[in-house]
């Protein structure tokens, strides 16, 4: 039997651009339909400027004819980049490439107090730091949620800090204020507890006493048959002034300290 050499027949199942959440598996799938003589197969991964054989990675596994399909278990950030499948025999060399990006969810850190109390009519600000995401978080990924009405809110994002300002607070605004980040690596959120209180009513005043305190500088002399000695000192005095006609008022100053 005479066998005529022919080139390897290889095509991609997985798209050229692959996004994988961190910790999940990278799977690169292809279809191989033959070649003669039997081809040599290799998978490589670009690390810096070098192409490294991924078969050296203990997490890598192969299946299918000549191990054309490739799986890398438990992806980490450094697993992103260019992967290349080379299938060659004496007739032809076929090269397929896959660009793999690793998605990392953001880290959300509260920069404002977790629980805050405010009076009606006042303002409140909530700030969360957003960091370490791959790909980076953009404003359209963010959503603030709570009992407040959107007509008195201002939301801002500078690429690192997400800020929500609520103006003219109302009692009905009381509740959780939540920032939701819809990231390709998954949804993550952080929340604050907001309590809005009515302003207290004026107290029922039955007695009011005003106390004034001041310091006086007093000088005096003591005379004796032999000489005169002059003294200067400071004393603290208080005077109580009554504000109601039915009370007896003491208009004299009383020494309370030196």
C-alpha atoms as a PDB file:
ATOM      1  CA  UNK A   1       0.000   0.000   0.000  1.00  0.00           C
ATOM      2  CA  UNK A   2       1.353   3.347  -0.995  1.00  0.00           C
ATOM      3  CA  UNK A   3       0.358   6.198   1.329  1.00  0.00           C
ATOM      4  CA  UNK A   4       0.619   9.671  -0.050  1.00  0.00           C
ATOM      5  CA  UNK A   5       1.826  12.259   2.448  1.00  0.00           C
ATOM      6  CA  UNK A   6      -0.619  15.052   3.268  1.00  0.00           C
ATOM      7  CA  UNK A   7      -0.612  18.010   5.592  1.00  0.00           C
ATOM      8  CA  UNK A   8      -2.146  18.002   9.071  1.00  0.00           C
ATOM      9  CA  UNK A   9      -5.802  19.044   9.155  1.00  0.00           C
ATOM     10  CA  UNK A  10      -6.352  21.189  12.267  1.00  0.00           C
ATOM     11  CA  UNK A  11      -9.000  23.794  13.114  1.00  0.00           C
ATOM     12  CA  UNK A  12      -9.955  25.745  16.234  1.00  0.00           C
ATOM     13  CA  UNK A  13     -13.028  25.134  18.400  1.00  0.00           C
ATOM     14  CA  UNK A  14     -12.109  27.639  21.104  1.00  0.00           C
ATOM     15  CA  UNK A  15     -12.022  31.205  19.824  1.00  0.00           C
ATOM     16  CA  UNK A  16      -8.726  33.030  19.439  1.00  0.00           C
ATOM     17  CA  UNK A  17      -9.504  35.312  22.403  1.00  0.00           C
ATOM     18  CA  UNK A  18     -10.271  33.536  25.657  1.00  0.00           C
ATOM     19  CA  UNK A  19     -11.179  35.137  29.011  1.00  0.00           C
ATOM     20  CA  UNK A  20     -10.893  32.919  32.098  1.00  0.00           C
ATOM     21  CA  UNK A  21     -11.765  33.922  35.704  1.00  0.00           C
ATOM     22  CA  UNK A  22      -8.868  33.381  38.080  1.00  0.00           C
ATOM     23  CA  UNK A  23      -8.871  29.940  39.687  1.00  0.00           C
ATOM     24  CA  UNK A  24     -10.817  28.283  36.894  1.00  0.00           C
ATOM     25  CA  UNK A  25      -9.424  26.045  34.162  1.00  0.00           C
ATOM     26  CA  UNK A  26      -8.057  27.167  30.818  1.00  0.00           C
ATOM     27  CA  UNK A  27      -9.378  24.898  28.053  1.00  0.00           C
ATOM     28  CA  UNK A  28      -8.169  25.294  24.476  1.00  0.00           C
ATOM     29  CA  UNK A  29      -9.966  22.934  22.091  1.00  0.00           C
ATOM     30  CA  UNK A  30      -9.148  22.067  18.474  1.00  0.00           C
ATOM     31  CA  UNK A  31     -10.215  19.548  15.847  1.00  0.00           C
ATOM     32  CA  UNK A  32      -7.606  17.274  14.275  1.00  0.00           C
ATOM     33  CA  UNK A  33      -8.632  15.211  11.282  1.00  0.00           C
ATOM     34  CA  UNK A  34      -5.378  13.578  10.271  1.00  0.00           C
ATOM     35  CA  UNK A  35      -2.063  14.021   8.533  1.00  0.00           C
ATOM     36  CA  UNK A  36       0.630  11.784   7.061  1.00  0.00           C
ATOM     37  CA  UNK A  37       3.259  11.158   8.094  1.00  0.00           C
ATOM     38  CA  UNK A  38       2.094  11.441  11.699  1.00  0.00           C
ATOM     39  CA  UNK A  39       2.701  15.003  12.807  1.00  0.00           C
ATOM     40  CA  UNK A  40       4.619  16.291  15.795  1.00  0.00           C
ATOM     41  CA  UNK A  41       2.522  18.343  18.218  1.00  0.00           C
ATOM     42  CA  UNK A  42       3.592  20.964  20.769  1.00  0.00           C
ATOM     43  CA  UNK A  43       1.890  23.581  22.947  1.00  0.00           C
ATOM     44  CA  UNK A  44       3.871  26.632  24.039  1.00  0.00           C
ATOM     45  CA  UNK A  45       3.104  29.671  26.182  1.00  0.00           C
ATOM     46  CA  UNK A  46       4.740  33.047  25.765  1.00  0.00           C
ATOM     47  CA  UNK A  47       6.495  34.136  28.958  1.00  0.00           C
ATOM     48  CA  UNK A  48       8.127  37.505  28.433  1.00  0.00           C
ATOM     49  CA  UNK A  49       9.866  37.235  25.092  1.00  0.00           C
ATOM     50  CA  UNK A  50      10.243  33.441  25.280  1.00  0.00           C
ATOM     51  CA  UNK A  51       7.923  30.653  24.194  1.00  0.00           C
ATOM     52  CA  UNK A  52       7.901  27.969  26.903  1.00  0.00           C
ATOM     53  CA  UNK A  53       6.633  24.411  26.453  1.00  0.00           C
ATOM     54  CA  UNK A  54       3.545  24.170  28.644  1.00  0.00           C
ATOM     55  CA  UNK A  55       3.959  20.409  28.892  1.00  0.00           C
ATOM     56  CA  UNK A  56       6.555  21.281  31.554  1.00  0.00           C
ATOM     57  CA  UNK A  57       3.768  22.704  33.757  1.00  0.00           C
ATOM     58  CA  UNK A  58       2.475  19.996  36.092  1.00  0.00           C
ATOM     59  CA  UNK A  59      -1.005  21.568  35.945  1.00  0.00           C
ATOM     60  CA  UNK A  60      -1.204  21.061  32.173  1.00  0.00           C
ATOM     61  CA  UNK A  61      -2.957  18.061  30.673  1.00  0.00           C
ATOM     62  CA  UNK A  62      -3.640  16.905  27.112  1.00  0.00           C
ATOM     63  CA  UNK A  63      -6.249  14.700  25.507  1.00  0.00           C
ATOM     64  CA  UNK A  64      -7.491  13.710  22.074  1.00  0.00           C
ATOM     65  CA  UNK A  65      -5.382  12.398  19.202  1.00  0.00           C
ATOM     66  CA  UNK A  66      -1.782  13.505  19.650  1.00  0.00           C
ATOM     67  CA  UNK A  67      -2.921  15.515  22.681  1.00  0.00           C
ATOM     68  CA  UNK A  68      -4.187  18.423  20.649  1.00  0.00           C
ATOM     69  CA  UNK A  69      -6.727  19.681  23.234  1.00  0.00           C
ATOM     70  CA  UNK A  70      -5.119  21.519  26.122  1.00  0.00           C
ATOM     71  CA  UNK A  71      -6.266  22.128  29.729  1.00  0.00           C
ATOM     72  CA  UNK A  72      -4.501  24.121  32.440  1.00  0.00           C
ATOM     73  CA  UNK A  73      -5.973  23.680  35.909  1.00  0.00           C
ATOM     74  CA  UNK A  74      -6.458  26.504  38.419  1.00  0.00           C
ATOM     75  CA  UNK A  75      -5.431  29.527  36.362  1.00  0.00           C
ATOM     76  CA  UNK A  76      -3.372  32.264  38.037  1.00  0.00           C
ATOM     77  CA  UNK A  77      -2.586  35.768  36.778  1.00  0.00           C
ATOM     78  CA  UNK A  78       0.710  34.715  35.138  1.00  0.00           C
ATOM     79  CA  UNK A  79      -1.115  32.116  33.039  1.00  0.00           C
ATOM     80  CA  UNK A  80      -2.501  34.852  30.811  1.00  0.00           C
ATOM     81  CA  UNK A  81      -0.949  35.595  27.441  1.00  0.00           C
ATOM     82  CA  UNK A  82      -0.312  33.930  24.106  1.00  0.00           C
ATOM     83  CA  UNK A  83      -0.642  30.131  23.691  1.00  0.00           C
ATOM     84  CA  UNK A  84       0.517  28.482  20.474  1.00  0.00           C
ATOM     85  CA  UNK A  85      -0.261  25.023  19.081  1.00  0.00           C
ATOM     86  CA  UNK A  86       2.186  23.759  16.452  1.00  0.00           C
ATOM     87  CA  UNK A  87       1.297  20.696  14.386  1.00  0.00           C
ATOM     88  CA  UNK A  88       3.850  19.733  11.712  1.00  0.00           C
ATOM     89  CA  UNK A  89       4.932  16.929   9.464  1.00  0.00           C
ATOM     90  CA  UNK A  90       7.100  16.742   6.391  1.00  0.00           C
ATOM     91  CA  UNK A  91       4.371  18.283   4.258  1.00  0.00           C
ATOM     92  CA  UNK A  92       3.273  21.302   6.264  1.00  0.00           C
ATOM     93  CA  UNK A  93       3.396  23.076   9.605  1.00  0.00           C
ATOM     94  CA  UNK A  94       0.117  24.358  11.048  1.00  0.00           C
ATOM     95  CA  UNK A  95       0.178  26.957  13.823  1.00  0.00           C
ATOM     96  CA  UNK A  96      -2.873  28.015  15.875  1.00  0.00           C
ATOM     97  CA  UNK A  97      -2.731  30.834  18.457  1.00  0.00           C
ATOM     98  CA  UNK A  98      -4.943  31.700  21.433  1.00  0.00           C
ATOM     99  CA  UNK A  99      -4.833  34.903  23.443  1.00  0.00           C
ATOM    100  CA  UNK A 100      -5.797  34.125  27.037  1.00  0.00           C
ATOM    101  CA  UNK A 101      -6.686  36.850  29.534  1.00  0.00           C
ATOM    102  CA  UNK A 102      -7.133  36.100  33.232  1.00  0.00           C
ATOM    103  CA  UNK A 103     -10.001  37.932  34.928  1.00  0.00           C
ATOM    104  CA  UNK A 104      -9.512  39.033  38.521  1.00  0.00           C
ATOM    105  CA  UNK A 105     -12.414  40.493  40.552  1.00  0.00           C
ATOM    106  CA  UNK A 106     -11.816  43.825  42.284  1.00  0.00           C
ATOM    107  CA  UNK A 107     -10.975  44.286  45.956  1.00  0.00           C
ATOM    108  CA  UNK A 108     -13.505  46.620  47.615  1.00  0.00           C
ATOM    109  CA  UNK A 109     -12.422  48.537  50.731  1.00  0.00           C
ATOM    110  CA  UNK A 110     -14.697  50.860  52.710  1.00  0.00           C
ATOM    111  CA  UNK A 111     -13.150  54.299  53.283  1.00  0.00           C
ATOM    112  CA  UNK A 112     -16.200  55.648  55.138  1.00  0.00           C
ATOM    113  CA  UNK A 113     -17.666  54.471  58.435  1.00  0.00           C
ATOM    114  CA  UNK A 114     -19.728  51.302  58.131  1.00  0.00           C
ATOM    115  CA  UNK A 115     -22.647  52.725  60.174  1.00  0.00           C
ATOM    116  CA  UNK A 116     -23.560  56.413  60.223  1.00  0.00           C
ATOM    117  CA  UNK A 117     -26.286  58.514  61.843  1.00  0.00           C
ATOM    118  CA  UNK A 118     -27.577  61.732  60.278  1.00  0.00           C
ATOM    119  CA  UNK A 119     -30.371  64.228  60.883  1.00  0.00           C
ATOM    120  CA  UNK A 120     -33.006  64.932  58.260  1.00  0.00           C
ATOM    121  CA  UNK A 121     -31.931  67.623  55.833  1.00  0.00           C
ATOM    122  CA  UNK A 122     -28.228  66.875  56.239  1.00  0.00           C
ATOM    123  CA  UNK A 123     -25.860  65.245  53.746  1.00  0.00           C
ATOM    124  CA  UNK A 124     -23.978  61.921  53.770  1.00  0.00           C
ATOM    125  CA  UNK A 125     -20.996  60.650  51.763  1.00  0.00           C
ATOM    126  CA  UNK A 126     -19.990  57.022  51.190  1.00  0.00           C
ATOM    127  CA  UNK A 127     -16.619  56.097  49.660  1.00  0.00           C
ATOM    128  CA  UNK A 128     -15.262  52.679  48.579  1.00  0.00           C
ATOM    129  CA  UNK A 129     -11.811  52.017  47.155  1.00  0.00           C
ATOM    130  CA  UNK A 130     -11.842  49.717  44.087  1.00  0.00           C
ATOM    131  CA  UNK A 131      -8.519  48.012  43.270  1.00  0.00           C
ATOM    132  CA  UNK A 132      -6.616  45.060  41.752  1.00  0.00           C
ATOM    133  CA  UNK A 133      -9.184  44.157  39.087  1.00  0.00           C
ATOM    134  CA  UNK A 134      -8.357  42.552  35.732  1.00  0.00           C
ATOM    135  CA  UNK A 135      -9.635  43.965  33.496  1.00  0.00           C
ATOM    136  CA  UNK A 136      -9.855  47.303  35.361  1.00  0.00           C
ATOM    137  CA  UNK A 137     -13.257  48.380  36.640  1.00  0.00           C
ATOM    138  CA  UNK A 138     -15.014  51.075  34.613  1.00  0.00           C
ATOM    139  CA  UNK A 139     -17.895  53.298  35.684  1.00  0.00           C
ATOM    140  CA  UNK A 140     -20.490  51.257  33.818  1.00  0.00           C
ATOM    141  CA  UNK A 141     -19.592  48.269  36.057  1.00  0.00           C
ATOM    142  CA  UNK A 142     -20.781  50.167  39.157  1.00  0.00           C
ATOM    143  CA  UNK A 143     -24.260  50.472  40.622  1.00  0.00           C
ATOM    144  CA  UNK A 144     -25.316  52.088  43.921  1.00  0.00           C
ATOM    145  CA  UNK A 145     -28.482  50.780  45.535  1.00  0.00           C
ATOM    146  CA  UNK A 146     -30.551  51.824  48.557  1.00  0.00           C
ATOM    147  CA  UNK A 147     -33.830  53.268  49.821  1.00  0.00           C
ATOM    148  CA  UNK A 148     -32.967  56.797  48.714  1.00  0.00           C
ATOM    149  CA  UNK A 149     -34.468  58.516  45.678  1.00  0.00           C
ATOM    150  CA  UNK A 150     -32.168  59.181  42.751  1.00  0.00           C
ATOM    151  CA  UNK A 151     -33.205  62.846  42.666  1.00  0.00           C
ATOM    152  CA  UNK A 152     -30.894  63.659  45.594  1.00  0.00           C
ATOM    153  CA  UNK A 153     -27.875  61.477  44.845  1.00  0.00           C
ATOM    154  CA  UNK A 154     -24.552  62.124  43.101  1.00  0.00           C
ATOM    155  CA  UNK A 155     -22.373  59.136  42.132  1.00  0.00           C
ATOM    156  CA  UNK A 156     -18.758  59.504  41.007  1.00  0.00           C
ATOM    157  CA  UNK A 157     -15.874  57.184  40.066  1.00  0.00           C
ATOM    158  CA  UNK A 158     -12.292  58.282  39.368  1.00  0.00           C
ATOM    159  CA  UNK A 159     -10.915  54.846  38.459  1.00  0.00           C
ATOM    160  CA  UNK A 160      -9.971  54.036  42.057  1.00  0.00           C
ATOM    161  CA  UNK A 161     -12.651  55.425  44.364  1.00  0.00           C
ATOM    162  CA  UNK A 162     -16.396  55.081  44.051  1.00  0.00           C
ATOM    163  CA  UNK A 163     -18.234  57.885  45.858  1.00  0.00           C
ATOM    164  CA  UNK A 164     -21.924  58.370  46.578  1.00  0.00           C
ATOM    165  CA  UNK A 165     -23.201  61.681  47.952  1.00  0.00           C
ATOM    166  CA  UNK A 166     -26.746  61.945  49.311  1.00  0.00           C
ATOM    167  CA  UNK A 167     -28.199  65.415  49.861  1.00  0.00           C
ATOM    168  CA  UNK A 168     -31.160  66.577  51.937  1.00  0.00           C
ATOM    169  CA  UNK A 169     -31.559  63.257  53.734  1.00  0.00           C
ATOM    170  CA  UNK A 170     -34.980  61.973  54.725  1.00  0.00           C
ATOM    171  CA  UNK A 171     -36.041  59.434  57.329  1.00  0.00           C
ATOM    172  CA  UNK A 172     -37.155  57.131  54.514  1.00  0.00           C
ATOM    173  CA  UNK A 173     -33.527  56.964  53.305  1.00  0.00           C
ATOM    174  CA  UNK A 174     -32.695  54.788  56.322  1.00  0.00           C
ATOM    175  CA  UNK A 175     -31.326  51.386  55.314  1.00  0.00           C
ATOM    176  CA  UNK A 176     -28.380  49.747  53.584  1.00  0.00           C
ATOM    177  CA  UNK A 177     -26.404  51.693  50.986  1.00  0.00           C
ATOM    178  CA  UNK A 178     -24.856  49.095  48.665  1.00  0.00           C
ATOM    179  CA  UNK A 179     -22.244  49.339  45.923  1.00  0.00           C
ATOM    180  CA  UNK A 180     -22.550  46.503  43.383  1.00  0.00           C
ATOM    181  CA  UNK A 181     -19.699  45.855  40.939  1.00  0.00           C
ATOM    182  CA  UNK A 182     -20.660  43.761  37.907  1.00  0.00           C
ATOM    183  CA  UNK A 183     -17.215  42.579  36.812  1.00  0.00           C
ATOM    184  CA  UNK A 184     -16.439  39.953  34.149  1.00  0.00           C
ATOM    185  CA  UNK A 185     -14.850  37.834  36.905  1.00  0.00           C
ATOM    186  CA  UNK A 186     -18.052  37.930  38.938  1.00  0.00           C
ATOM    187  CA  UNK A 187     -20.327  40.219  40.928  1.00  0.00           C
ATOM    188  CA  UNK A 188     -19.071  41.651  44.209  1.00  0.00           C
ATOM    189  CA  UNK A 189     -20.589  44.182  46.620  1.00  0.00           C
ATOM    190  CA  UNK A 190     -20.055  46.149  49.843  1.00  0.00           C
ATOM    191  CA  UNK A 191     -22.649  48.011  51.894  1.00  0.00           C
ATOM    192  CA  UNK A 192     -23.046  50.679  54.586  1.00  0.00           C
ATOM    193  CA  UNK A 193     -25.751  51.136  57.206  1.00  0.00           C
ATOM    194  CA  UNK A 194     -27.421  54.558  57.098  1.00  0.00           C
ATOM    195  CA  UNK A 195     -29.740  55.794  59.853  1.00  0.00           C
ATOM    196  CA  UNK A 196     -31.576  59.097  59.324  1.00  0.00           C
ATOM    197  CA  UNK A 197     -33.247  60.657  62.376  1.00  0.00           C
ATOM    198  CA  UNK A 198     -35.796  63.442  62.700  1.00  0.00           C
ATOM    199  CA  UNK A 199     -34.443  66.600  64.334  1.00  0.00           C
ATOM    200  CA  UNK A 200     -35.409  66.580  68.047  1.00  0.00           C
ATOM    201  CA  UNK A 201     -38.178  68.889  69.305  1.00  0.00           C
ATOM    202  CA  UNK A 202     -37.200  71.903  71.486  1.00  0.00           C
ATOM    203  CA  UNK A 203     -36.992  71.000  75.202  1.00  0.00           C
ATOM    204  CA  UNK A 204     -39.706  72.016  77.690  1.00  0.00           C
ATOM    205  CA  UNK A 205     -37.748  74.664  79.679  1.00  0.00           C
ATOM    206  CA  UNK A 206     -38.833  75.140  83.302  1.00  0.00           C
ATOM    207  CA  UNK A 207     -35.686  76.780  84.642  1.00  0.00           C
ATOM    208  CA  UNK A 208     -32.701  78.474  83.092  1.00  0.00           C
ATOM    209  CA  UNK A 209     -29.625  79.597  85.003  1.00  0.00           C
ATOM    210  CA  UNK A 210     -26.786  81.535  83.465  1.00  0.00           C
ATOM    211  CA  UNK A 211     -23.336  81.234  85.000  1.00  0.00           C
ATOM    212  CA  UNK A 212     -20.591  83.664  84.069  1.00  0.00           C
ATOM    213  CA  UNK A 213     -16.964  82.958  84.946  1.00  0.00           C
ATOM    214  CA  UNK A 214     -14.065  85.377  84.753  1.00  0.00           C
ATOM    215  CA  UNK A 215     -10.670  86.001  86.317  1.00  0.00           C
ATOM    216  CA  UNK A 216      -9.926  89.190  88.263  1.00  0.00           C
ATOM    217  CA  UNK A 217      -6.493  90.597  89.009  1.00  0.00           C
ATOM    218  CA  UNK A 218      -6.499  91.985  92.554  1.00  0.00           C
ATOM    219  CA  UNK A 219      -3.753  94.024  94.238  1.00  0.00           C
ATOM    220  CA  UNK A 220      -3.578  94.961  97.916  1.00  0.00           C
ATOM    221  CA  UNK A 221      -1.128  96.089 100.595  1.00  0.00           C
ATOM    222  CA  UNK A 222      -0.575  94.956 104.152  1.00  0.00           C
ATOM    223  CA  UNK A 223       0.627  97.666 106.516  1.00  0.00           C
ATOM    224  CA  UNK A 224       2.743  97.099 109.587  1.00  0.00           C
ATOM    225  CA  UNK A 225       4.714  99.308 111.881  1.00  0.00           C
ATOM    226  CA  UNK A 226       7.905  98.469 109.999  1.00  0.00           C
ATOM    227  CA  UNK A 227       7.153  98.353 106.295  1.00  0.00           C
ATOM    228  CA  UNK A 228       4.559  98.127 103.547  1.00  0.00           C
ATOM    229  CA  UNK A 229       4.257  94.870 101.501  1.00  0.00           C
ATOM    230  CA  UNK A 230       2.364  94.868  98.199  1.00  0.00           C
ATOM    231  CA  UNK A 231       0.623  91.696  96.866  1.00  0.00           C
ATOM    232  CA  UNK A 232      -0.886  90.832  93.456  1.00  0.00           C
ATOM    233  CA  UNK A 233      -2.873  87.658  92.720  1.00  0.00           C
ATOM    234  CA  UNK A 234      -5.622  86.284  90.501  1.00  0.00           C
ATOM    235  CA  UNK A 235      -8.885  84.801  91.647  1.00  0.00           C
ATOM    236  CA  UNK A 236     -11.669  83.106  89.655  1.00  0.00           C
ATOM    237  CA  UNK A 237     -15.160  84.285  90.477  1.00  0.00           C
ATOM    238  CA  UNK A 238     -18.669  83.411  89.280  1.00  0.00           C
ATOM    239  CA  UNK A 239     -21.889  85.332  89.205  1.00  0.00           C
ATOM    240  CA  UNK A 240     -25.286  83.680  88.834  1.00  0.00           C
ATOM    241  CA  UNK A 241     -27.952  85.637  87.032  1.00  0.00           C
ATOM    242  CA  UNK A 242     -31.537  84.377  87.240  1.00  0.00           C
ATOM    243  CA  UNK A 243     -33.830  84.653  84.231  1.00  0.00           C
ATOM    244  CA  UNK A 244     -37.166  84.200  85.998  1.00  0.00           C
ATOM    245  CA  UNK A 245     -38.929  86.887  88.022  1.00  0.00           C
ATOM    246  CA  UNK A 246     -40.061  84.490  90.765  1.00  0.00           C
ATOM    247  CA  UNK A 247     -36.498  83.556  91.734  1.00  0.00           C
ATOM    248  CA  UNK A 248     -34.251  85.385  94.172  1.00  0.00           C
ATOM    249  CA  UNK A 249     -31.183  86.612  92.363  1.00  0.00           C
ATOM    250  CA  UNK A 250     -27.775  86.898  93.966  1.00  0.00           C
ATOM    251  CA  UNK A 251     -25.937  89.738  92.282  1.00  0.00           C
ATOM    252  CA  UNK A 252     -22.754  89.292  94.291  1.00  0.00           C
ATOM    253  CA  UNK A 253     -19.622  87.612  93.008  1.00  0.00           C
ATOM    254  CA  UNK A 254     -18.411  84.524  94.814  1.00  0.00           C
ATOM    255  CA  UNK A 255     -14.777  83.379  94.872  1.00  0.00           C
ATOM    256  CA  UNK A 256     -14.535  79.825  93.533  1.00  0.00           C
ATOM    257  CA  UNK A 257     -10.775  79.380  92.990  1.00  0.00           C
ATOM    258  CA  UNK A 258      -7.356  81.013  92.736  1.00  0.00           C
END
